[in-house]
Amino acid sequence: MTDGVSDNLSDGEICEALCAPLASGETAAALAQTLASLAFTASQQQTRDTPFAQGARQHGYAYPGGKPDDVTVLCVRVLDGEEEDDEEGVRGNWDGDQAKETAGGEGGQQSGGRLSSRL
C-alpha cells in the first residue's frame, strides 16, 4: 500500500476494516477495494484526525483532516498448499481523478475516478 493509505488510516483502522472481511473469506480484490475506498474517503475529510495530521502536530504544524494523495493497495492471498484458488494477486487503485486497471503487466484501461482492481 502507498502512503495515501497510511497517511489517512491508522494501523488500528486498517486492522478493523479487514477483520470481518478476512474472517468471512473475502477475496484479495475485495480487501484491496475496501482499503483503497476507505483511505480515499478519509483523505477527503477535512476534520478527520489522520496519522498524517497527528504527525504534523508533533512537528509543530497545524494540518487538520485527511491528506489528499493517490491511493494504491496490493493484496495477495497466501495459500497453505492445500487450498485451491483461482484468484491471482489484486491491486486496488484510487487516485480520485482516474484509476488504472492493468492485467498481467499489459497496458491499462482508464476508468475515470472509479476504483478498479486487477493484476
C-alpha atoms as a PDB file:
ATOM      1  CA  MET A   1       0.000   0.000   0.000  1.00  0.00           C
ATOM      2  CA  THR A   2       1.137   3.537  -0.634  1.00  0.00           C
ATOM      3  CA  ASP A   3       1.371   6.422   1.807  1.00  0.00           C
ATOM      4  CA  GLY A   4      -2.042   7.526   0.531  1.00  0.00           C
ATOM      5  CA  VAL A   5      -3.359   4.737   2.767  1.00  0.00           C
ATOM      6  CA  SER A   6      -1.012   5.011   5.764  1.00  0.00           C
ATOM      7  CA  ASP A   7      -1.252   8.832   5.900  1.00  0.00           C
ATOM      8  CA  ASN A   8      -5.036   8.609   6.162  1.00  0.00           C
ATOM      9  CA  LEU A   9      -5.776   5.377   8.056  1.00  0.00           C
ATOM     10  CA  SER A  10      -4.135   4.235  11.280  1.00  0.00           C
ATOM     11  CA  ASP A  11      -2.885   0.664  11.702  1.00  0.00           C
ATOM     12  CA  GLY A  12      -5.847   0.058  14.005  1.00  0.00           C
ATOM     13  CA  GLU A  13      -8.333   1.345  11.412  1.00  0.00           C
ATOM     14  CA  ILE A  14      -6.757  -0.871   8.756  1.00  0.00           C
ATOM     15  CA  CYS A  15      -6.950  -3.940  11.006  1.00  0.00           C
ATOM     16  CA  GLU A  16     -10.542  -3.124  11.975  1.00  0.00           C
ATOM     17  CA  ALA A  17     -11.547  -2.677   8.335  1.00  0.00           C
ATOM     18  CA  LEU A  18     -10.047  -6.034   7.337  1.00  0.00           C
ATOM     19  CA  CYS A  19     -11.011  -8.166  10.330  1.00  0.00           C
ATOM     20  CA  ALA A  20     -14.546  -9.112   9.272  1.00  0.00           C
ATOM     21  CA  PRO A  21     -13.777  -9.476   5.533  1.00  0.00           C
ATOM     22  CA  LEU A  22     -10.809 -11.740   6.297  1.00  0.00           C
ATOM     23  CA  ALA A  23     -12.869 -13.853   8.690  1.00  0.00           C
ATOM     24  CA  SER A  24     -15.602 -14.270   6.086  1.00  0.00           C
ATOM     25  CA  GLY A  25     -13.139 -15.296   3.361  1.00  0.00           C
ATOM     26  CA  GLU A  26     -13.382 -12.207   1.150  1.00  0.00           C
ATOM     27  CA  THR A  27     -11.192 -12.182  -1.933  1.00  0.00           C
ATOM     28  CA  ALA A  28      -7.969 -10.218  -2.248  1.00  0.00           C
ATOM     29  CA  ALA A  29      -9.832  -7.967  -4.704  1.00  0.00           C
ATOM     30  CA  ALA A  30     -12.472  -7.141  -2.095  1.00  0.00           C
ATOM     31  CA  LEU A  31      -9.805  -6.420   0.530  1.00  0.00           C
ATOM     32  CA  ALA A  32      -7.902  -4.090  -1.815  1.00  0.00           C
ATOM     33  CA  GLN A  33     -11.084  -2.267  -2.789  1.00  0.00           C
ATOM     34  CA  THR A  34     -12.150  -1.893   0.845  1.00  0.00           C
ATOM     35  CA  LEU A  35      -8.845  -0.332   1.928  1.00  0.00           C
ATOM     36  CA  ALA A  36      -8.478   1.887  -1.140  1.00  0.00           C
ATOM     37  CA  SER A  37     -12.016   3.200  -0.784  1.00  0.00           C
ATOM     38  CA  LEU A  38     -11.681   3.852   2.968  1.00  0.00           C
ATOM     39  CA  ALA A  39      -8.349   5.644   2.502  1.00  0.00           C
ATOM     40  CA  PHE A  40      -9.680   7.828  -0.307  1.00  0.00           C
ATOM     41  CA  THR A  41     -12.759   8.745   1.748  1.00  0.00           C
ATOM     42  CA  ALA A  42     -10.570   9.600   4.761  1.00  0.00           C
ATOM     43  CA  SER A  43      -8.291  11.746   2.585  1.00  0.00           C
ATOM     44  CA  GLN A  44     -11.263  13.943   1.669  1.00  0.00           C
ATOM     45  CA  GLN A  45     -12.448  14.563   5.244  1.00  0.00           C
ATOM     46  CA  GLN A  46     -11.238  17.952   6.438  1.00  0.00           C
ATOM     47  CA  THR A  47     -11.822  17.340  10.152  1.00  0.00           C
ATOM     48  CA  ARG A  48     -10.600  13.732  10.441  1.00  0.00           C
ATOM     49  CA  ASP A  49      -7.701  13.148  12.837  1.00  0.00           C
ATOM     50  CA  THR A  50      -5.468  11.158  10.476  1.00  0.00           C
ATOM     51  CA  PRO A  51      -1.982   9.760  11.115  1.00  0.00           C
ATOM     52  CA  PHE A  52      -0.615  12.500   8.821  1.00  0.00           C
ATOM     53  CA  ALA A  53      -2.397  15.237  10.815  1.00  0.00           C
ATOM     54  CA  GLN A  54      -1.095  13.735  14.080  1.00  0.00           C
ATOM     55  CA  GLY A  55       2.468  13.659  12.738  1.00  0.00           C
ATOM     56  CA  ALA A  56       2.193  17.243  11.518  1.00  0.00           C
ATOM     57  CA  ARG A  57       1.088  18.364  15.002  1.00  0.00           C
ATOM     58  CA  GLN A  58       4.070  16.589  16.574  1.00  0.00           C
ATOM     59  CA  HIS A  59       6.324  18.725  14.375  1.00  0.00           C
ATOM     60  CA  GLY A  60       4.561  21.997  15.138  1.00  0.00           C
ATOM     61  CA  TYR A  61       2.326  22.217  12.063  1.00  0.00           C
ATOM     62  CA  ALA A  62      -1.441  22.655  12.042  1.00  0.00           C
ATOM     63  CA  TYR A  63      -2.754  20.289   9.381  1.00  0.00           C
ATOM     64  CA  PRO A  64      -6.354  19.292  10.032  1.00  0.00           C
ATOM     65  CA  GLY A  65      -8.045  16.454   8.233  1.00  0.00           C
ATOM     66  CA  GLY A  66      -7.074  13.909   5.643  1.00  0.00           C
ATOM     67  CA  LYS A  67      -4.218  14.251   3.194  1.00  0.00           C
ATOM     68  CA  PRO A  68      -5.345  14.052  -0.448  1.00  0.00           C
ATOM     69  CA  ASP A  69      -2.999  11.674  -2.225  1.00  0.00           C
ATOM     70  CA  ASP A  70      -3.027   8.806  -4.681  1.00  0.00           C
ATOM     71  CA  VAL A  71      -4.027   5.529  -3.036  1.00  0.00           C
ATOM     72  CA  THR A  72      -2.773   2.126  -4.135  1.00  0.00           C
ATOM     73  CA  VAL A  73      -3.341  -1.156  -2.314  1.00  0.00           C
ATOM     74  CA  LEU A  74      -1.875  -4.503  -3.302  1.00  0.00           C
ATOM     75  CA  CYS A  75      -3.397  -7.595  -1.711  1.00  0.00           C
ATOM     76  CA  VAL A  76      -2.412 -11.178  -2.291  1.00  0.00           C
ATOM     77  CA  ARG A  77      -3.820 -14.293  -0.755  1.00  0.00           C
ATOM     78  CA  VAL A  78      -1.178 -16.693   0.559  1.00  0.00           C
ATOM     79  CA  LEU A  79      -2.295 -20.304   0.376  1.00  0.00           C
ATOM     80  CA  ASP A  80      -1.048 -23.097   2.592  1.00  0.00           C
ATOM     81  CA  GLY A  81      -0.521 -25.511  -0.285  1.00  0.00           C
ATOM     82  CA  GLU A  82      -3.680 -27.493   0.386  1.00  0.00           C
ATOM     83  CA  GLU A  83      -6.123 -24.819  -0.786  1.00  0.00           C
ATOM     84  CA  GLU A  84      -7.020 -24.170  -4.380  1.00  0.00           C
ATOM     85  CA  ASP A  85      -7.553 -20.639  -5.555  1.00  0.00           C
ATOM     86  CA  ASP A  86      -8.403 -19.176  -8.938  1.00  0.00           C
ATOM     87  CA  GLU A  87      -7.565 -15.633  -7.879  1.00  0.00           C
ATOM     88  CA  GLU A  88      -4.209 -14.049  -8.605  1.00  0.00           C
ATOM     89  CA  GLY A  89      -2.812 -11.027  -6.761  1.00  0.00           C
ATOM     90  CA  VAL A  90      -5.047  -7.992  -6.884  1.00  0.00           C
ATOM     91  CA  ARG A  91      -4.273  -4.308  -6.701  1.00  0.00           C
ATOM     92  CA  GLY A  92      -6.865  -1.647  -5.868  1.00  0.00           C
ATOM     93  CA  ASN A  93      -6.010   1.849  -7.006  1.00  0.00           C
ATOM     94  CA  TRP A  94      -7.865   5.089  -6.452  1.00  0.00           C
ATOM     95  CA  ASP A  95      -6.441   8.475  -7.308  1.00  0.00           C
ATOM     96  CA  GLY A  96      -9.674  10.486  -7.229  1.00  0.00           C
ATOM     97  CA  ASP A  97      -9.472  11.549 -10.868  1.00  0.00           C
ATOM     98  CA  GLN A  98      -8.734   8.301 -12.593  1.00  0.00           C
ATOM     99  CA  ALA A  99      -7.862   4.742 -11.743  1.00  0.00           C
ATOM    100  CA  LYS A 100      -5.877   2.466 -13.981  1.00  0.00           C
ATOM    101  CA  GLU A 101      -6.606  -1.186 -14.379  1.00  0.00           C
ATOM    102  CA  THR A 102      -3.813  -3.442 -15.528  1.00  0.00           C
ATOM    103  CA  ALA A 103      -3.801  -7.111 -16.293  1.00  0.00           C
ATOM    104  CA  GLY A 104      -0.595  -9.110 -16.437  1.00  0.00           C
ATOM    105  CA  GLY A 105       1.577  -6.034 -16.827  1.00  0.00           C
ATOM    106  CA  GLU A 106      -0.043  -5.037 -20.118  1.00  0.00           C
ATOM    107  CA  GLY A 107      -1.439  -1.592 -20.917  1.00  0.00           C
ATOM    108  CA  GLY A 108      -4.243  -0.419 -18.692  1.00  0.00           C
ATOM    109  CA  GLN A 109      -7.746   0.833 -19.152  1.00  0.00           C
ATOM    110  CA  GLN A 110      -8.644   4.147 -17.589  1.00  0.00           C
ATOM    111  CA  SER A 111     -11.862   4.284 -15.647  1.00  0.00           C
ATOM    112  CA  GLY A 112     -12.223   7.982 -14.754  1.00  0.00           C
ATOM    113  CA  GLY A 113     -12.469   8.373 -10.985  1.00  0.00           C
ATOM    114  CA  ARG A 114     -13.665   4.859 -10.261  1.00  0.00           C
ATOM    115  CA  LEU A 115     -11.989   2.231  -8.157  1.00  0.00           C
ATOM    116  CA  SER A 116     -10.691  -0.627 -10.224  1.00  0.00           C
ATOM    117  CA  SER A 117      -8.740  -3.694  -9.308  1.00  0.00           C
ATOM    118  CA  ARG A 118      -6.956  -6.468 -11.094  1.00  0.00           C
ATOM    119  CA  LEU A 119      -3.363  -7.550 -11.548  1.00  0.00           C
END
